[in-house]
């Protein structure tokens, strides 16, 4: 499942990130690494951006980025 498919209020663990370059560097610097736990705090009305809680921070992630983050919700 990708992060954009995760429901608001649900948690998951990052399995992989399918981006490269500066986008990957930005996500890593924000704590988006394989094994990190995150949760979807809020999805904007038009589903862009998402507010994600990760590593004790609240981070806004664009839908296009969220589609590239593979997560496992354990369900």
N, C-alpha and C. Protein backbone atom coordinates (compact mmCIF):
# COMPACT_ATOMS: atom_id res chain seq x y z
N UNK A 1 0.85 -1.17 0.00
CA UNK A 1 0.00 0.00 0.00
C UNK A 1 0.90 1.24 0.00
N UNK A 2 0.42 2.30 -0.60
CA UNK A 2 1.19 3.55 -0.60
C UNK A 2 0.60 4.51 0.44
N UNK A 3 1.40 5.47 0.84
CA UNK A 3 0.99 6.40 1.89
C UNK A 3 -0.29 7.14 1.53
N UNK A 4 -0.50 7.47 0.27
CA UNK A 4 -1.72 8.19 -0.10
C UNK A 4 -2.98 7.35 0.09
N UNK A 5 -2.83 6.02 0.19
CA UNK A 5 -3.97 5.12 0.40
C UNK A 5 -4.29 4.91 1.88
N UNK A 6 -3.38 5.29 2.75
CA UNK A 6 -3.58 5.10 4.19
C UNK A 6 -4.64 6.08 4.68
N UNK A 7 -5.60 5.57 5.46
CA UNK A 7 -6.70 6.39 5.93
C UNK A 7 -6.25 7.36 7.03
N UNK A 8 -6.95 8.49 7.10
CA UNK A 8 -6.68 9.47 8.15
C UNK A 8 -6.84 8.80 9.51
N UNK A 9 -5.90 9.06 10.42
CA UNK A 9 -5.95 8.49 11.75
C UNK A 9 -5.26 7.14 11.88
N UNK A 10 -4.84 6.56 10.77
CA UNK A 10 -4.18 5.24 10.78
C UNK A 10 -2.67 5.39 10.80
N UNK A 11 -2.01 4.36 11.32
CA UNK A 11 -0.55 4.32 11.39
C UNK A 11 -0.01 3.23 10.49
N UNK A 12 1.26 3.37 10.11
CA UNK A 12 1.93 2.36 9.28
C UNK A 12 3.43 2.51 9.44
N UNK A 13 4.15 1.54 8.90
CA UNK A 13 5.61 1.55 8.90
C UNK A 13 6.08 1.67 7.46
N UNK A 14 7.07 2.51 7.20
CA UNK A 14 7.60 2.68 5.85
C UNK A 14 8.39 1.45 5.45
N UNK A 15 8.06 0.89 4.28
CA UNK A 15 8.80 -0.24 3.73
C UNK A 15 9.87 0.24 2.75
N UNK A 16 9.50 1.18 1.87
CA UNK A 16 10.45 1.70 0.90
C UNK A 16 9.96 3.04 0.37
N UNK A 17 10.88 3.76 -0.28
CA UNK A 17 10.57 5.04 -0.89
C UNK A 17 11.05 4.99 -2.33
N UNK A 18 10.14 5.23 -3.26
CA UNK A 18 10.45 5.06 -4.67
C UNK A 18 10.66 6.39 -5.38
N UNK A 19 11.50 7.23 -4.80
CA UNK A 19 11.90 8.50 -5.42
C UNK A 19 13.42 8.60 -5.35
N UNK A 20 13.97 9.54 -6.10
CA UNK A 20 15.41 9.74 -6.11
C UNK A 20 15.72 11.23 -5.98
N UNK A 21 16.99 11.54 -5.97
CA UNK A 21 17.45 12.92 -6.03
C UNK A 21 17.06 13.75 -4.83
N UNK A 22 16.75 15.01 -5.10
CA UNK A 22 16.47 15.98 -4.05
C UNK A 22 15.21 15.62 -3.26
N UNK A 23 14.22 15.05 -3.93
CA UNK A 23 13.01 14.65 -3.22
C UNK A 23 13.33 13.59 -2.18
N UNK A 24 14.13 12.60 -2.55
CA UNK A 24 14.53 11.56 -1.61
C UNK A 24 15.32 12.17 -0.45
N UNK A 25 16.25 13.06 -0.76
CA UNK A 25 17.05 13.70 0.29
C UNK A 25 16.16 14.46 1.27
N UNK A 26 15.16 15.17 0.74
CA UNK A 26 14.23 15.94 1.59
C UNK A 26 13.45 15.00 2.50
N UNK A 27 12.91 13.92 1.93
CA UNK A 27 12.12 12.99 2.73
C UNK A 27 12.97 12.34 3.82
N UNK A 28 14.19 11.93 3.48
CA UNK A 28 15.08 11.33 4.47
C UNK A 28 15.38 12.32 5.60
N UNK A 29 15.62 13.58 5.24
CA UNK A 29 15.94 14.58 6.26
C UNK A 29 14.76 14.83 7.20
N UNK A 30 13.55 14.51 6.74
CA UNK A 30 12.35 14.68 7.57
C UNK A 30 12.02 13.43 8.37
N UNK A 31 12.81 12.36 8.19
CA UNK A 31 12.60 11.13 8.95
C UNK A 31 11.94 10.01 8.19
N UNK A 32 11.67 10.22 6.91
CA UNK A 32 11.04 9.18 6.09
C UNK A 32 12.10 8.17 5.65
N UNK A 33 12.30 7.16 6.48
CA UNK A 33 13.27 6.10 6.19
C UNK A 33 12.59 4.76 6.40
N UNK A 34 13.03 3.72 5.71
CA UNK A 34 12.45 2.39 5.92
C UNK A 34 12.51 2.01 7.40
N UNK A 35 11.38 1.52 7.91
CA UNK A 35 11.28 1.13 9.31
C UNK A 35 10.68 2.20 10.20
N UNK A 36 10.60 3.44 9.71
CA UNK A 36 10.03 4.52 10.51
C UNK A 36 8.51 4.39 10.57
N UNK A 37 7.95 4.63 11.76
CA UNK A 37 6.50 4.60 11.92
C UNK A 37 5.95 6.00 11.69
N UNK A 38 4.80 6.06 11.03
CA UNK A 38 4.15 7.33 10.76
C UNK A 38 2.65 7.17 10.90
N UNK A 39 1.94 8.30 10.96
CA UNK A 39 0.48 8.26 10.96
C UNK A 39 -0.04 9.45 10.17
N UNK A 40 -1.20 9.25 9.56
CA UNK A 40 -1.85 10.31 8.79
C UNK A 40 -2.71 11.11 9.77
N UNK A 41 -2.32 12.35 10.01
CA UNK A 41 -3.04 13.21 10.94
C UNK A 41 -4.24 13.85 10.24
N UNK A 42 -4.02 14.31 9.00
CA UNK A 42 -5.10 15.00 8.28
C UNK A 42 -4.83 14.92 6.79
N UNK A 43 -5.93 14.74 6.04
CA UNK A 43 -5.86 14.85 4.59
C UNK A 43 -6.64 16.10 4.21
N UNK A 44 -6.02 16.97 3.43
CA UNK A 44 -6.68 18.21 3.01
C UNK A 44 -7.92 17.87 2.18
N UNK A 45 -8.88 18.79 2.08
CA UNK A 45 -10.12 18.53 1.35
C UNK A 45 -9.92 18.00 -0.07
N UNK A 46 -8.92 18.48 -0.77
CA UNK A 46 -8.65 17.99 -2.12
C UNK A 46 -7.56 16.93 -2.12
N UNK A 47 -7.28 16.38 -0.92
CA UNK A 47 -6.29 15.32 -0.72
C UNK A 47 -4.87 15.74 -1.07
N UNK A 48 -4.58 17.00 -0.96
CA UNK A 48 -3.22 17.48 -1.22
C UNK A 48 -3.01 18.79 -0.47
N UNK A 49 -2.13 18.87 0.48
CA UNK A 49 -1.20 17.85 0.97
C UNK A 49 -1.81 17.04 2.11
N UNK A 50 -1.03 16.08 2.61
CA UNK A 50 -1.37 15.29 3.78
C UNK A 50 -0.51 15.79 4.93
N UNK A 51 -1.08 15.82 6.13
CA UNK A 51 -0.28 16.10 7.33
C UNK A 51 0.08 14.76 7.95
N UNK A 52 1.39 14.51 8.06
CA UNK A 52 1.90 13.23 8.53
C UNK A 52 2.68 13.45 9.83
N UNK A 53 2.42 12.61 10.82
CA UNK A 53 3.19 12.62 12.05
C UNK A 53 4.28 11.57 11.92
N UNK A 54 5.54 12.01 12.03
CA UNK A 54 6.68 11.10 11.92
C UNK A 54 7.83 11.64 12.77
N UNK A 55 8.47 10.77 13.51
CA UNK A 55 9.64 11.14 14.34
C UNK A 55 9.36 12.34 15.24
N UNK A 56 8.15 12.43 15.78
CA UNK A 56 7.82 13.52 16.69
C UNK A 56 7.53 14.85 16.03
N UNK A 57 7.44 14.86 14.70
CA UNK A 57 7.17 16.09 13.96
C UNK A 57 5.92 15.94 13.10
N UNK A 58 5.32 17.07 12.76
CA UNK A 58 4.20 17.10 11.83
C UNK A 58 4.73 17.63 10.50
N UNK A 59 4.57 16.84 9.44
CA UNK A 59 5.15 17.16 8.14
C UNK A 59 4.05 17.14 7.08
N UNK A 60 4.05 18.14 6.19
CA UNK A 60 3.13 18.15 5.06
C UNK A 60 3.79 17.44 3.88
N UNK A 61 3.05 16.49 3.30
CA UNK A 61 3.56 15.71 2.17
C UNK A 61 2.58 15.83 1.02
N UNK A 62 3.10 16.14 -0.17
CA UNK A 62 2.26 16.23 -1.36
C UNK A 62 1.76 14.85 -1.77
N UNK A 63 0.60 14.82 -2.41
CA UNK A 63 0.03 13.55 -2.86
C UNK A 63 0.98 12.81 -3.79
N UNK A 64 1.65 13.51 -4.68
CA UNK A 64 2.58 12.86 -5.61
C UNK A 64 3.73 12.19 -4.87
N UNK A 65 4.18 12.79 -3.78
CA UNK A 65 5.22 12.17 -2.96
C UNK A 65 4.66 10.97 -2.20
N UNK A 66 3.46 11.13 -1.65
CA UNK A 66 2.83 10.06 -0.87
C UNK A 66 2.61 8.80 -1.71
N UNK A 67 2.37 8.97 -3.00
CA UNK A 67 2.17 7.83 -3.90
C UNK A 67 3.45 7.00 -4.06
N UNK A 68 4.59 7.57 -3.73
CA UNK A 68 5.89 6.91 -3.90
C UNK A 68 6.43 6.30 -2.61
N UNK A 69 5.68 6.46 -1.52
CA UNK A 69 6.12 5.93 -0.22
C UNK A 69 5.31 4.67 0.07
N UNK A 70 6.00 3.53 0.08
CA UNK A 70 5.35 2.24 0.31
C UNK A 70 5.32 1.98 1.82
N UNK A 71 4.11 1.69 2.35
CA UNK A 71 3.95 1.47 3.78
C UNK A 71 3.25 0.15 4.05
N UNK A 72 3.39 -0.32 5.29
CA UNK A 72 2.71 -1.53 5.74
C UNK A 72 1.94 -1.16 6.99
N UNK A 73 0.61 -1.26 6.91
CA UNK A 73 -0.22 -0.90 8.06
C UNK A 73 -0.46 -2.08 8.99
N UNK A 74 0.02 -3.25 8.61
CA UNK A 74 -0.13 -4.42 9.45
C UNK A 74 -1.51 -5.04 9.41
N UNK A 75 -2.35 -4.60 8.47
CA UNK A 75 -3.69 -5.19 8.37
C UNK A 75 -3.80 -6.16 7.23
